[in-house]
Amino acid sequence: MTKGGLLDIESLERDEIDEILARSKDFQPPRGEPIKKYDYLRGKTIVNLFFEASTRTRTSFEIAAKRLGADVLSITAAGSSVSKGESLVDTLNTLGAMRPDAIVMRHSASGAPHFLSRYLPIPFVNAGDGTHEHPTQALLDARTILDRRGTLEGLRVAIIGDIAHSRVARSNVFLLSKYGVSIVLCGPASLMPREMKELAPGIELTSDMVQAIEGADVIMMLRVQLERQHETSFPANEYFQFFGLRPEHMEKAKPDVIVMHPGPINRGREISSEVADSQRSAILNQVENGVAVRMAVLERVLLQ
C-alpha cells in the first residue's frame, strides 16, 4: 500500500493480501445473527468520489464505512463541479481543503487515482480506474474462493469474456498469480490482447471456451463492457453462442466448480439464468463479501 492507501494489487506483497483477507473474515456476519457495527473509525470522514456509474462498489464502500463507525460523503460526477468544467485536480484540492481522512475514487481514466494521490497527502482507495485495476474486487473474489475452496493454491481459474477492457481481470491475474494459481484467459480474439500473457508467468490464452473450462475449479465470467468498446460489438445472441456460460459447460469443469461474476450480470449475453441461479454460483457471495473486504481495507488504510 502507498501512503496508507490502496491503489492496486500489482504492488502488494502476498503477506499484505493475506492480512486483508484474514481480517475480512472477521467482518463476515455470522449466519442468522444481527449485523454487528463497530466504532473503529468513529471520528473519521471518508469521501466516495465516483466519476463512473456504480451500484455494488459504491454502496458496499458506504455500508463498509458506516459499519466501522465512519462518516461518509458520496459524490458522483453529475453532482460534482467537474460537470461545471472544474478540473479534476481542482476538485480534489477543494475536497482536500475540507480534510477528509480518506478518498475512495472510481474514474474512467487508467491511473487517475495514482496521479491524484501525488497531489494530496490523503490516503486514496482505488475503486476502479479505467481498464487498469479494481483491487478490492480481486480481494473480495479471493475471499469468496477461500470461503468455498479453503485455499487459492493449486487451483485452475478460467476468466472468460471481455478481457481487453476488464480491470477486474487484470487485478485478479495479479492477485492469483501471487498464489501460483493456474490462470486461463478466454474471450474473442478481438477482446483479448496478446500482451495480457505478459501480466504474469504461465498465463494461458484461448478463444475456445470448452478448452478454458476443462478442469476448472473456478469460472469467472466478465461483463461485455459495451461502454468502453469503440468497435462494433457482437450481437448478444452471437456472443452468447460462443462465450456465454451455459449448463452444458459445467460438465467440463471440476464437479465442485464455482461460478463467479463481478456484476452487473447480463443474462443471455455472458451467462445463462440457469447457471447464475444455480448452487454452483457464488455471485451473491461475492456481493456480500464486498462489504467485509472493504471494511478490512478501510480499517487498514485509516488505522495502520
Protein backbone atom coordinates (compact mmCIF):
# COMPACT_ATOMS: atom_id res chain seq x y z
CA MET A 1 0.00 0.00 0.00
CA THR A 2 1.17 3.52 -0.83
CA LYS A 3 0.92 6.38 1.67
CA GLY A 4 -1.60 4.32 3.59
CA GLY A 5 -3.85 3.92 0.53
CA LEU A 6 -4.71 1.04 -1.79
CA LEU A 7 -4.09 1.86 -5.44
CA ASP A 8 -3.57 -1.58 -6.98
CA ILE A 9 -2.94 -5.27 -6.40
CA GLU A 10 0.19 -5.45 -8.52
CA SER A 11 2.34 -3.62 -5.96
CA LEU A 12 1.04 -5.51 -2.92
CA GLU A 13 3.10 -8.22 -1.26
CA ARG A 14 1.45 -11.57 -0.67
CA ASP A 15 1.59 -11.14 3.11
CA GLU A 16 -0.30 -7.85 2.81
CA ILE A 17 -3.03 -9.61 0.83
CA ASP A 18 -3.10 -12.42 3.40
CA GLU A 19 -3.63 -9.90 6.20
CA ILE A 20 -6.51 -8.17 4.41
CA LEU A 21 -8.20 -11.47 3.57
CA ALA A 22 -7.80 -12.77 7.11
CA ARG A 23 -9.18 -9.56 8.61
CA SER A 24 -12.14 -9.56 6.20
CA LYS A 25 -13.18 -12.95 7.55
CA ASP A 26 -13.57 -11.31 10.97
CA PHE A 27 -16.07 -8.91 9.43
CA GLN A 28 -18.24 -11.56 7.77
CA PRO A 29 -21.58 -11.58 9.63
CA PRO A 30 -22.43 -15.00 11.13
CA ARG A 31 -25.45 -16.62 9.52
CA GLY A 32 -28.72 -15.77 11.24
CA GLU A 33 -27.18 -13.19 13.55
CA PRO A 34 -27.70 -9.40 13.53
CA ILE A 35 -25.18 -7.31 11.62
CA LYS A 36 -22.53 -6.08 14.03
CA LYS A 37 -21.39 -2.47 13.95
CA TYR A 38 -18.07 -1.16 15.22
CA ASP A 39 -16.61 2.16 16.28
CA TYR A 40 -13.08 1.59 14.94
CA LEU A 41 -13.39 4.55 12.54
CA ARG A 42 -15.50 6.83 14.69
CA GLY A 43 -14.49 10.43 14.04
CA LYS A 44 -13.13 9.58 10.57
CA THR A 45 -14.62 11.03 7.38
CA ILE A 46 -14.50 9.13 4.09
CA VAL A 47 -15.37 10.68 0.73
CA ASN A 48 -16.62 8.35 -2.01
CA LEU A 49 -15.84 10.10 -5.31
CA PHE A 50 -17.35 8.19 -8.21
CA PHE A 51 -16.93 9.51 -11.74
CA GLU A 52 -18.40 6.33 -13.23
CA ALA A 53 -21.76 4.74 -12.59
CA SER A 54 -21.68 2.13 -9.83
CA THR A 55 -24.14 0.31 -7.64
CA ARG A 56 -22.32 -2.57 -5.96
CA THR A 57 -18.95 -0.94 -5.35
CA ARG A 58 -20.18 2.48 -4.23
CA THR A 59 -22.91 1.05 -2.00
CA SER A 60 -20.65 -1.55 -0.40
CA PHE A 61 -17.99 1.07 0.37
CA GLU A 62 -20.68 3.21 2.01
CA ILE A 63 -22.01 0.31 4.07
CA ALA A 64 -18.48 -0.78 4.99
CA ALA A 65 -17.55 2.69 6.23
CA LYS A 66 -20.76 3.06 8.23
CA ARG A 67 -20.40 -0.37 9.84
CA LEU A 68 -16.98 0.79 11.03
CA GLY A 69 -18.46 3.97 12.50
CA ALA A 70 -17.11 6.45 9.95
CA ASP A 71 -18.93 9.42 8.45
CA VAL A 72 -19.41 9.05 4.69
CA LEU A 73 -19.96 11.57 1.92
CA SER A 74 -20.70 10.19 -1.55
CA ILE A 75 -20.21 12.35 -4.64
CA THR A 76 -20.93 11.38 -8.24
CA ALA A 77 -19.63 13.08 -11.38
CA ALA A 78 -23.04 14.58 -12.09
CA GLY A 79 -23.16 16.03 -8.59
CA SER A 80 -19.66 17.49 -8.61
CA SER A 81 -18.22 20.71 -10.00
CA VAL A 82 -16.42 18.66 -12.67
CA SER A 83 -19.76 18.77 -14.50
CA LYS A 84 -19.41 22.57 -14.49
CA GLY A 85 -15.97 22.49 -16.05
CA GLU A 86 -13.78 22.38 -12.95
CA SER A 87 -10.62 20.34 -13.42
CA LEU A 88 -10.24 17.07 -11.55
CA VAL A 89 -7.17 18.38 -9.71
CA ASP A 90 -9.08 21.47 -8.54
CA THR A 91 -11.97 19.30 -7.38
CA LEU A 92 -9.60 17.12 -5.39
CA ASN A 93 -7.81 20.16 -3.93
CA THR A 94 -11.19 21.52 -2.83
CA LEU A 95 -12.05 18.26 -1.16
CA GLY A 96 -8.59 18.09 0.38
CA ALA A 97 -9.09 21.51 1.96
CA MET A 98 -12.08 20.03 3.82
CA ARG A 99 -9.68 17.46 5.32
CA PRO A 100 -11.36 14.09 4.81
CA ASP A 101 -9.42 11.16 6.22
CA ALA A 102 -9.58 9.09 3.01
CA ILE A 103 -10.92 9.27 -0.53
CA VAL A 104 -12.42 6.27 -2.33
CA MET A 105 -12.28 7.01 -6.04
CA ARG A 106 -13.55 5.49 -9.27
CA HIS A 107 -12.62 7.07 -12.59
CA SER A 108 -12.73 6.14 -16.27
CA ALA A 109 -9.09 7.15 -16.82
CA SER A 110 -6.50 4.49 -16.08
CA GLY A 111 -4.06 5.76 -13.46
CA ALA A 112 -6.25 8.63 -12.24
CA PRO A 113 -6.08 7.69 -8.52
CA HIS A 114 -2.30 7.19 -8.75
CA PHE A 115 -1.89 10.61 -10.38
CA LEU A 116 -4.09 12.44 -7.90
CA SER A 117 -2.62 10.73 -4.84
CA ARG A 118 0.59 12.64 -5.59
CA TYR A 119 -1.23 15.94 -5.07
CA LEU A 120 -2.91 15.24 -1.75
CA PRO A 121 -1.48 13.80 1.46
CA ILE A 122 -4.67 11.79 1.93
CA PRO A 123 -4.99 8.01 1.54
CA PHE A 124 -6.67 7.02 -1.73
CA VAL A 125 -8.53 3.76 -2.29
CA ASN A 126 -8.88 2.83 -5.94
CA ALA A 127 -12.45 1.70 -6.62
CA GLY A 128 -11.65 1.08 -10.30
CA ASP A 129 -9.60 3.12 -12.76
CA GLY A 130 -10.31 2.74 -16.47
CA THR A 131 -9.11 -0.60 -17.78
CA HIS A 132 -6.24 -0.71 -15.27
CA GLU A 133 -7.22 -2.22 -11.92
CA HIS A 134 -10.05 -2.84 -9.46
CA PRO A 135 -8.13 -4.02 -6.38
CA THR A 136 -10.98 -4.50 -3.91
CA GLN A 137 -12.87 -6.62 -6.45
CA ALA A 138 -9.92 -9.02 -6.70
CA LEU A 139 -9.70 -9.14 -2.91
CA LEU A 140 -13.37 -9.96 -2.49
CA ASP A 141 -13.11 -12.55 -5.26
CA ALA A 142 -10.22 -14.18 -3.40
CA ARG A 143 -12.19 -14.11 -0.15
CA THR A 144 -15.11 -15.81 -1.92
CA ILE A 145 -12.88 -18.54 -3.39
CA LEU A 146 -11.31 -19.14 0.02
CA ASP A 147 -14.76 -19.46 1.61
CA ARG A 148 -15.76 -22.12 -0.92
CA ARG A 149 -12.46 -23.93 -1.54
CA GLY A 150 -10.34 -23.20 1.52
CA THR A 151 -7.24 -22.31 -0.49
CA LEU A 152 -6.07 -20.48 -3.59
CA GLU A 153 -3.00 -22.57 -4.19
CA GLY A 154 -3.18 -25.30 -6.82
CA LEU A 155 -6.42 -24.08 -8.38
CA ARG A 156 -7.24 -23.63 -12.05
CA VAL A 157 -9.18 -20.41 -12.68
CA ALA A 158 -10.78 -19.59 -16.03
CA ILE A 159 -11.52 -15.89 -16.61
CA ILE A 160 -13.85 -15.55 -19.59
CA GLY A 161 -15.22 -12.60 -21.53
CA ASP A 162 -14.15 -9.08 -22.42
CA ILE A 163 -10.55 -9.41 -21.24
CA ALA A 164 -9.29 -6.33 -23.09
CA HIS A 165 -11.41 -3.84 -21.17
CA SER A 166 -11.53 -5.63 -17.82
CA ARG A 167 -9.80 -4.10 -14.82
CA VAL A 168 -11.29 -6.99 -12.85
CA ALA A 169 -9.35 -9.49 -14.97
CA ARG A 170 -6.08 -7.59 -14.52
CA SER A 171 -6.42 -7.32 -10.73
CA ASN A 172 -7.37 -10.97 -10.43
CA VAL A 173 -4.41 -12.03 -12.55
CA PHE A 174 -2.06 -10.02 -10.35
CA LEU A 175 -3.54 -11.45 -7.15
CA LEU A 176 -4.00 -15.08 -8.16
CA SER A 177 -0.55 -15.31 -9.72
CA LYS A 178 0.98 -14.48 -6.32
CA TYR A 179 -0.51 -17.78 -5.11
CA GLY A 180 0.62 -19.92 -8.04
CA VAL A 181 -2.87 -20.27 -9.47
CA SER A 182 -3.13 -21.70 -12.99
CA ILE A 183 -4.88 -18.94 -14.94
CA VAL A 184 -6.52 -19.22 -18.35
CA LEU A 185 -7.95 -16.15 -20.08
CA CYS A 186 -10.63 -16.76 -22.67
CA GLY A 187 -12.57 -14.50 -24.99
CA PRO A 188 -12.99 -13.36 -28.58
CA ALA A 189 -9.64 -12.68 -30.23
CA SER A 190 -10.65 -9.04 -30.72
CA LEU A 191 -11.23 -8.66 -26.96
CA MET A 192 -8.09 -10.42 -25.75
CA PRO A 193 -4.83 -8.59 -26.45
CA ARG A 194 -1.73 -10.79 -26.58
CA GLU A 195 0.07 -8.62 -24.05
CA MET A 196 -2.24 -9.99 -21.33
CA LYS A 197 0.01 -13.05 -21.35
CA GLU A 198 2.83 -10.86 -20.01
CA LEU A 199 0.97 -9.87 -16.83
CA ALA A 200 2.15 -12.98 -15.00
CA PRO A 201 4.09 -16.16 -15.79
CA GLY A 202 2.23 -19.20 -17.09
CA ILE A 203 -0.95 -17.48 -18.25
CA GLU A 204 -2.83 -19.42 -20.93
CA LEU A 205 -4.78 -17.59 -23.64
CA THR A 206 -7.52 -19.22 -25.69
CA SER A 207 -10.66 -18.39 -27.63
CA ASP A 208 -12.01 -21.91 -27.09
CA MET A 209 -14.43 -21.78 -24.17
CA VAL A 210 -14.55 -25.54 -23.70
CA GLN A 211 -10.76 -25.66 -23.50
CA ALA A 212 -10.76 -22.87 -20.93
CA ILE A 213 -13.33 -24.54 -18.70
CA GLU A 214 -11.80 -28.02 -18.87
CA GLY A 215 -10.84 -28.99 -15.32
CA ALA A 216 -11.50 -25.53 -13.89
CA ASP A 217 -12.02 -25.06 -10.16
CA VAL A 218 -13.33 -21.52 -10.66
CA ILE A 219 -15.07 -19.97 -13.67
CA MET A 220 -15.01 -16.19 -13.52
CA MET A 221 -17.27 -14.58 -16.12
CA LEU A 222 -16.85 -10.96 -17.17
CA ARG A 223 -19.32 -8.40 -18.39
CA VAL A 224 -19.05 -7.26 -22.01
CA GLN A 225 -18.16 -3.60 -21.48
CA LEU A 226 -20.00 -2.01 -24.36
CA GLU A 227 -19.35 1.49 -22.97
CA ARG A 228 -15.59 1.02 -23.48
CA GLN A 229 -15.74 -0.55 -26.92
CA HIS A 230 -15.28 1.61 -29.98
CA GLU A 231 -15.57 -1.20 -32.48
CA THR A 232 -18.83 -2.92 -33.39
CA SER A 233 -19.63 -5.45 -30.70
CA PHE A 234 -21.01 -8.94 -31.09
CA PRO A 235 -24.81 -9.20 -31.20
CA ALA A 236 -25.96 -10.58 -27.84
CA ASN A 237 -27.17 -13.91 -29.23
CA GLU A 238 -23.96 -14.46 -31.22
CA TYR A 239 -21.74 -13.67 -28.25
CA PHE A 240 -23.78 -15.96 -26.02
CA GLN A 241 -23.44 -18.79 -28.51
CA PHE A 242 -19.65 -18.75 -28.34
CA PHE A 243 -18.78 -17.19 -24.96
CA GLY A 244 -21.90 -17.43 -22.81
CA LEU A 245 -21.75 -19.83 -19.85
CA ARG A 246 -24.48 -22.46 -20.10
CA PRO A 247 -25.37 -25.61 -18.11
CA GLU A 248 -23.66 -27.93 -20.62
CA HIS A 249 -20.35 -26.18 -19.99
CA MET A 250 -20.44 -27.10 -16.31
CA GLU A 251 -19.85 -30.75 -17.11
CA LYS A 252 -16.37 -29.90 -18.45
CA ALA A 253 -15.23 -28.30 -15.19
CA LYS A 254 -14.49 -29.87 -11.81
CA PRO A 255 -17.60 -31.31 -10.10
CA ASP A 256 -17.34 -28.71 -7.35
CA VAL A 257 -16.56 -25.77 -9.65
CA ILE A 258 -17.78 -22.37 -8.53
CA VAL A 259 -19.06 -19.67 -10.89
CA MET A 260 -18.32 -16.01 -10.27
CA HIS A 261 -19.23 -12.71 -11.91
CA PRO A 262 -18.34 -9.17 -10.74
CA GLY A 263 -21.69 -7.82 -11.95
CA PRO A 264 -23.79 -6.37 -13.25
CA ILE A 265 -24.91 -9.58 -14.94
CA ASN A 266 -26.21 -9.51 -18.49
CA ARG A 267 -28.28 -12.69 -18.59
CA GLY A 268 -28.41 -14.21 -22.02
CA ARG A 269 -25.22 -12.46 -23.12
CA GLU A 270 -22.41 -13.77 -20.90
CA ILE A 271 -24.24 -16.19 -18.60
CA SER A 272 -27.49 -18.13 -18.56
CA SER A 273 -30.02 -17.74 -15.77
CA GLU A 274 -29.78 -21.47 -15.07
CA VAL A 275 -26.08 -21.13 -14.20
CA ALA A 276 -26.32 -17.73 -12.48
CA ASP A 277 -29.03 -19.03 -10.14
CA SER A 278 -27.53 -22.49 -9.56
CA GLN A 279 -25.93 -23.85 -6.40
CA ARG A 280 -22.54 -23.58 -8.12
CA SER A 281 -22.97 -19.81 -8.35
CA ALA A 282 -21.06 -17.68 -5.84
CA ILE A 283 -22.21 -14.38 -7.33
CA LEU A 284 -24.27 -13.23 -4.34
CA ASN A 285 -21.48 -14.40 -2.02
CA GLN A 286 -19.19 -12.01 -3.89
CA VAL A 287 -21.59 -9.12 -3.27
CA GLU A 288 -21.81 -9.97 0.43
CA ASN A 289 -18.04 -10.32 0.75
CA GLY A 290 -17.60 -6.92 -0.88
CA VAL A 291 -18.67 -5.27 2.36
CA ALA A 292 -16.42 -7.38 4.61
CA VAL A 293 -13.37 -6.92 2.38
CA ARG A 294 -13.88 -3.18 2.06
CA MET A 295 -14.26 -2.92 5.83
CA ALA A 296 -10.86 -4.61 6.17
CA VAL A 297 -9.34 -2.28 3.57
CA LEU A 298 -10.73 0.91 5.09
CA GLU A 299 -9.64 -0.11 8.58
CA ARG A 300 -6.13 -0.86 7.31
CA VAL A 301 -5.90 2.35 5.29
CA LEU A 302 -7.04 4.58 8.12
CA LEU A 303 -5.53 2.91 11.18
CA GLN A 304 -2.20 1.48 10.03
